[in-house]
Amino acid sequence: MRIVAEKLSFTYNKKSKFKVDALKDVTLTIEEGSFFGIIGHTGSGKSTFIQHLNGLIPVEKGFLTVGDINLSDKKKIVRKRYKELRSKVGMVFQYPEYQLFAETVYEDVAFGFRNFFPDADKEEEKRAVFETLALLGLGSEYVNQSPLDLSGGQKRRVAIAGVLVAKPEILVLDEPVAGLDPVGKNELMKILHALHENGVVKTVIIVSHDMDEVCENCTEVAVFSEGEVVLSGSPKDVFKNTKLMNELRLGVPITGQLQDSLSEIGVEIDTDFSRDDFVEKVVEYFKNSK
């Protein structure tokens, strides 16, 4: 499912003196198969944008399609397709573990399944729940546990399982590793990449404040500021704009900072800003300079 936005605009409190132009003529394409990063400060419009993707915020002005669903179409038929859309575009908000509510892990994940597959029998439900938990690295020993007894990282994976059980084609995650320790962050990002690479979800979209996280994981990036997309492209295309990124108070990955420091002493490194590529290019440079 390809996502296409053209001149998408949205205003909160439109008729009030407190109105806020959250999106201003946003034009952006997210291709199927992307591992896409959206970055920007609080209030930049990124959260408003992703909430348009599964109809949580209706299109007010402009054009937006997700796959073959035209969300700009005001006809009632679009509303009838919202359930289909939300099964195809799974949304995981920041700190989703706060929304866990059932007595057991099984019931929490099964709730998501029943919502989209009300006619499924118990065996289908059980199979879907167990398979989805396994994809998130949680074995059968967890199903009868209370979600509240799990670690922070495990709780988050249960919350994601409650969305993934609907078998979405697109998975959107707002700050997916916020608040996790380094081990938990690495584990969750590895799981997300495995889901993507194995075709469990076709497209992954993450919203993040962490430039290193985006650089290391995403194939494409869009930078939001004051309701507009001010930069988009590969991490290399985006993070080479050090001056603009600093003006936006977002900065660049640590590898970008190191590249600038090297440049100041005459060492020019052409890198994609990922850690592995940066180290390889630096080693190669100094080998060849002997």
Protein backbone atom coordinates (compact mmCIF):
# COMPACT_ATOMS: atom_id res chain seq x y z
CA MET A 1 0.00 0.00 0.00
CA ARG A 2 1.49 3.27 -1.16
CA ILE A 3 0.76 6.46 0.80
CA VAL A 4 0.42 9.68 -1.18
CA ALA A 5 -0.28 13.07 0.39
CA GLU A 6 -0.58 16.22 -1.71
CA LYS A 7 -1.09 19.67 -0.18
CA LEU A 8 -2.54 18.06 2.95
CA SER A 9 -3.56 20.71 5.50
CA PHE A 10 -5.25 20.60 8.88
CA THR A 11 -6.15 23.21 11.49
CA TYR A 12 -7.06 22.57 15.12
CA ASN A 13 -9.73 24.81 16.69
CA LYS A 14 -10.41 26.29 13.29
CA LYS A 15 -13.10 28.74 14.42
CA SER A 16 -11.33 29.75 17.61
CA LYS A 17 -8.76 32.42 18.33
CA PHE A 18 -6.59 29.54 19.56
CA LYS A 19 -6.50 27.87 16.14
CA VAL A 20 -3.32 26.05 15.18
CA ASP A 21 -2.27 25.21 11.63
CA ALA A 22 -0.91 21.74 12.35
CA LEU A 23 -0.33 20.76 8.70
CA LYS A 24 0.38 23.17 5.86
CA ASP A 25 0.33 21.83 2.31
CA VAL A 26 2.17 18.63 3.19
CA THR A 27 3.21 16.72 0.09
CA LEU A 28 4.84 13.38 0.78
CA THR A 29 4.94 9.88 -0.72
CA ILE A 30 5.75 6.79 1.32
CA GLU A 31 6.40 3.85 -0.95
CA GLU A 32 5.30 0.33 -0.11
CA GLY A 33 8.24 -1.57 1.34
CA SER A 34 9.83 1.43 3.04
CA PHE A 35 11.19 1.54 6.57
CA PHE A 36 10.29 5.20 6.86
CA GLY A 37 11.32 7.73 9.52
CA ILE A 38 9.42 10.89 10.45
CA ILE A 39 11.27 13.39 12.62
CA GLY A 40 10.52 16.79 14.08
CA HIS A 41 10.00 18.58 17.36
CA THR A 42 6.79 18.48 19.39
CA GLY A 43 4.25 20.58 17.52
CA SER A 44 5.91 20.05 14.15
CA GLY A 45 2.88 18.21 12.72
CA LYS A 46 4.26 14.68 12.60
CA SER A 47 1.70 13.17 15.00
CA THR A 48 -1.16 14.94 13.23
CA PHE A 49 0.09 13.54 9.93
CA ILE A 50 0.27 9.92 11.06
CA GLN A 51 -3.22 10.13 12.61
CA HIS A 52 -4.54 10.95 9.13
CA LEU A 53 -3.17 7.65 7.83
CA ASN A 54 -5.86 5.49 9.42
CA GLY A 55 -8.63 8.04 9.56
CA LEU A 56 -8.27 9.07 13.21
CA ILE A 57 -8.17 12.62 11.86
CA PRO A 58 -10.30 13.13 8.72
CA VAL A 59 -8.88 14.92 5.71
CA GLU A 60 -9.86 18.58 5.95
CA LYS A 61 -8.03 19.99 2.95
CA GLY A 62 -5.81 18.45 0.30
CA PHE A 63 -5.39 14.93 -1.03
CA LEU A 64 -4.52 11.67 0.73
CA THR A 65 -4.64 8.07 -0.47
CA VAL A 66 -3.57 4.93 1.37
CA GLY A 67 -3.44 2.11 -1.15
CA ASP A 68 -6.68 2.29 -3.11
CA ILE A 69 -8.56 4.15 -0.36
CA ASN A 70 -9.01 7.83 -1.15
CA LEU A 71 -9.35 9.52 2.22
CA SER A 72 -10.02 12.86 0.55
CA ASP A 73 -13.32 11.54 -0.77
CA LYS A 74 -16.06 12.97 1.44
CA LYS A 75 -18.64 10.40 0.40
CA LYS A 76 -20.08 8.07 3.04
CA ILE A 77 -18.46 5.07 1.38
CA VAL A 78 -15.08 6.23 2.69
CA ARG A 79 -16.36 6.04 6.27
CA LYS A 80 -17.58 2.51 5.58
CA ARG A 81 -14.00 1.60 4.65
CA TYR A 82 -12.48 2.96 7.88
CA LYS A 83 -12.49 -0.47 9.51
CA GLU A 84 -10.72 -1.95 6.48
CA LEU A 85 -8.23 0.93 6.57
CA ARG A 86 -7.51 0.46 10.27
CA SER A 87 -6.93 -3.24 9.78
CA LYS A 88 -4.40 -2.39 7.06
CA VAL A 89 -2.72 0.53 8.89
CA GLY A 90 -1.81 -0.50 12.42
CA MET A 91 -1.15 2.42 14.77
CA VAL A 92 1.02 2.06 17.88
CA PHE A 93 1.10 5.23 19.96
CA GLN A 94 3.82 6.34 22.35
CA TYR A 95 4.04 4.22 25.53
CA PRO A 96 1.34 1.80 24.29
CA GLU A 97 1.83 -0.38 27.37
CA TYR A 98 -0.17 2.20 29.33
CA GLN A 99 -3.19 1.04 27.35
CA LEU A 100 -2.93 -2.62 28.42
CA PHE A 101 -6.07 -3.46 30.35
CA ALA A 102 -6.87 -7.20 30.36
CA GLU A 103 -6.10 -9.70 33.10
CA THR A 104 -3.88 -11.80 30.83
CA VAL A 105 -1.57 -11.28 27.89
CA TYR A 106 -3.80 -13.58 25.84
CA GLU A 107 -6.92 -11.48 26.44
CA ASP A 108 -5.14 -8.24 25.63
CA VAL A 109 -3.94 -9.50 22.24
CA ALA A 110 -7.18 -11.38 21.53
CA PHE A 111 -9.13 -8.14 21.99
CA GLY A 112 -7.40 -6.70 18.92
CA PHE A 113 -8.12 -9.85 16.93
CA ARG A 114 -11.82 -9.94 17.84
CA ASN A 115 -12.21 -6.31 16.88
CA PHE A 116 -11.27 -7.03 13.27
CA PHE A 117 -12.29 -10.68 12.93
CA PRO A 118 -15.57 -10.96 14.88
CA ASP A 119 -16.66 -14.08 12.98
CA ALA A 120 -13.49 -16.09 13.65
CA ASP A 121 -13.79 -19.18 15.84
CA LYS A 122 -11.80 -19.82 19.01
CA GLU A 123 -9.18 -21.95 17.29
CA GLU A 124 -8.47 -19.25 14.71
CA GLU A 125 -8.24 -16.69 17.50
CA LYS A 126 -5.89 -18.84 19.57
CA ARG A 127 -3.63 -19.53 16.59
CA ALA A 128 -3.48 -15.84 15.67
CA VAL A 129 -2.65 -14.77 19.24
CA PHE A 130 0.08 -17.39 19.76
CA GLU A 131 1.64 -16.74 16.33
CA THR A 132 1.66 -12.98 16.83
CA LEU A 133 3.21 -13.19 20.28
CA ALA A 134 5.90 -15.50 18.88
CA LEU A 135 6.71 -12.89 16.22
CA LEU A 136 7.35 -10.44 19.05
CA GLY A 137 9.63 -12.87 20.86
CA LEU A 138 7.07 -13.90 23.47
CA GLY A 139 6.48 -17.64 23.88
CA SER A 140 3.43 -19.53 25.09
CA GLU A 141 4.59 -19.22 28.70
CA TYR A 142 3.48 -15.57 28.66
CA VAL A 143 -0.13 -15.98 27.52
CA ASN A 144 -1.66 -16.52 30.96
CA GLN A 145 0.48 -13.96 32.74
CA SER A 146 -0.80 -10.53 33.72
CA PRO A 147 0.68 -7.85 31.42
CA LEU A 148 1.38 -5.83 34.56
CA ASP A 149 3.87 -8.46 35.75
CA LEU A 150 6.07 -8.14 32.66
CA SER A 151 9.13 -5.97 32.10
CA GLY A 152 8.78 -2.65 30.31
CA GLY A 153 10.06 -4.06 27.03
CA GLN A 154 7.79 -7.10 27.25
CA LYS A 155 4.76 -4.94 27.99
CA ARG A 156 5.51 -2.88 24.91
CA ARG A 157 5.79 -5.97 22.75
CA VAL A 158 2.43 -7.20 24.04
CA ALA A 159 0.90 -3.84 23.15
CA ILE A 160 2.38 -4.04 19.65
CA ALA A 161 1.09 -7.62 19.33
CA GLY A 162 -2.43 -6.32 19.98
CA VAL A 163 -2.07 -4.21 16.81
CA LEU A 164 -0.06 -6.70 14.75
CA VAL A 165 -2.62 -9.49 15.31
CA ALA A 166 -4.92 -7.72 12.81
CA LYS A 167 -2.27 -8.40 10.14
CA PRO A 168 -1.74 -4.80 8.98
CA GLU A 169 0.25 -4.09 5.84
CA ILE A 170 1.55 -0.83 7.30
CA LEU A 171 2.76 -0.51 10.90
CA VAL A 172 3.07 3.03 12.29
CA LEU A 173 4.88 3.49 15.60
CA ASP A 174 5.21 6.75 17.53
CA GLU A 175 8.54 6.76 19.42
CA PRO A 176 8.68 2.94 19.50
CA VAL A 177 11.70 2.67 21.82
CA ALA A 178 11.09 5.69 24.07
CA GLY A 179 11.81 4.90 27.72
CA LEU A 180 13.44 1.52 27.06
CA ASP A 181 16.96 0.66 28.18
CA PRO A 182 19.63 0.12 25.47
CA VAL A 183 19.09 -3.66 25.44
CA GLY A 184 15.32 -3.25 25.13
CA LYS A 185 15.76 -0.71 22.34
CA ASN A 186 18.03 -3.00 20.33
CA GLU A 187 15.75 -6.00 20.81
CA LEU A 188 12.64 -4.13 19.67
CA MET A 189 14.32 -2.60 16.61
CA LYS A 190 15.63 -6.05 15.61
CA ILE A 191 12.09 -7.42 15.89
CA LEU A 192 10.67 -4.59 13.77
CA HIS A 193 13.28 -5.24 11.09
CA ALA A 194 12.53 -8.96 11.14
CA LEU A 195 8.80 -8.26 10.72
CA HIS A 196 9.63 -5.99 7.78
CA GLU A 197 12.22 -8.21 6.11
CA ASN A 198 10.06 -11.32 6.42
CA GLY A 199 7.04 -9.58 4.91
CA VAL A 200 4.88 -9.76 8.03
CA VAL A 201 4.34 -6.03 7.49
CA LYS A 202 5.16 -4.45 4.15
CA THR A 203 5.89 -0.95 5.40
CA VAL A 204 7.12 0.34 8.76
CA ILE A 205 6.83 4.00 9.71
CA ILE A 206 8.49 5.26 12.89
CA VAL A 207 8.19 8.70 14.45
CA SER A 208 11.26 9.61 16.45
CA HIS A 209 13.24 12.41 18.10
CA ASP A 210 16.42 10.32 17.93
CA MET A 211 18.51 11.09 14.87
CA ASP A 212 20.82 8.10 15.42
CA GLU A 213 17.83 5.76 15.67
CA VAL A 214 16.40 7.06 12.40
CA CYS A 215 19.74 7.02 10.60
CA GLU A 216 20.53 3.43 11.64
CA ASN A 217 17.12 1.99 10.81
CA CYS A 218 15.30 3.92 8.10
CA THR A 219 15.57 3.79 4.34
CA GLU A 220 13.77 7.13 3.88
CA VAL A 221 13.22 10.13 6.16
CA ALA A 222 10.89 13.14 6.25
CA VAL A 223 11.60 16.15 8.45
CA PHE A 224 8.58 18.09 9.75
CA SER A 225 8.76 21.65 11.07
CA GLU A 226 5.85 23.98 11.88
CA GLY A 227 3.41 21.81 9.96
CA GLU A 228 5.52 21.47 6.81
CA VAL A 229 7.84 18.87 5.32
CA VAL A 230 11.10 20.78 5.04
CA LEU A 231 13.35 17.89 3.98
CA SER A 232 12.87 14.35 2.72
CA GLY A 233 14.97 11.65 1.16
CA SER A 234 17.46 9.01 2.23
CA PRO A 235 19.18 9.49 5.63
CA LYS A 236 22.30 10.52 3.70
CA ASP A 237 20.36 13.16 1.72
CA VAL A 238 18.72 14.53 4.88
CA PHE A 239 21.59 14.49 7.39
CA LYS A 240 24.15 16.05 5.08
CA ASN A 241 22.14 19.27 5.62
CA THR A 242 23.89 19.86 8.94
CA LYS A 243 23.25 23.62 9.03
CA LEU A 244 19.48 23.29 8.49
CA MET A 245 19.16 20.39 10.91
CA ASN A 246 20.92 22.43 13.60
CA GLU A 247 18.72 25.44 12.84
CA LEU A 248 15.70 23.19 13.39
CA ARG A 249 17.28 22.13 16.73
CA LEU A 250 17.21 18.51 15.65
CA GLY A 251 20.90 18.03 15.04
CA VAL A 252 22.45 15.14 13.15
CA PRO A 253 23.56 11.63 14.14
CA ILE A 254 26.81 11.27 16.05
CA THR A 255 28.45 10.11 12.82
CA GLY A 256 27.44 13.41 11.20
CA GLN A 257 29.02 15.33 14.04
CA LEU A 258 32.20 13.30 13.70
CA GLN A 259 32.22 13.84 9.94
CA ASP A 260 32.04 17.61 10.48
CA SER A 261 34.92 17.45 12.96
CA LEU A 262 37.02 15.48 10.50
CA SER A 263 36.15 17.91 7.74
CA GLU A 264 37.50 20.78 9.84
CA ILE A 265 40.95 19.14 9.82
CA GLY A 266 40.79 18.38 6.11
CA VAL A 267 39.56 14.79 6.25
CA GLU A 268 36.59 14.39 3.89
CA ILE A 269 34.51 11.25 4.35
CA ASP A 270 31.60 10.32 2.05
CA THR A 271 29.30 8.26 4.29
CA ASP A 272 25.63 7.36 4.55
CA PHE A 273 25.94 8.25 8.29
CA SER A 274 25.26 4.71 9.52
CA ARG A 275 27.83 3.62 12.12
CA ASP A 276 29.13 0.66 10.12
CA ASP A 277 29.57 2.67 6.93
CA PHE A 278 31.21 5.57 8.77
CA VAL A 279 33.76 3.34 10.49
CA GLU A 280 34.50 1.51 7.22
CA LYS A 281 35.02 4.77 5.31
CA VAL A 282 37.26 6.27 8.03
CA VAL A 283 39.43 3.15 8.18
CA GLU A 284 39.65 3.09 4.37
CA TYR A 285 40.61 6.79 4.26
CA PHE A 286 43.50 6.43 6.70
CA LYS A 287 44.69 3.20 5.07
CA ASN A 288 44.90 4.96 1.72
CA SER A 289 46.51 8.07 3.18
CA LYS A 290 49.61 6.23 4.45
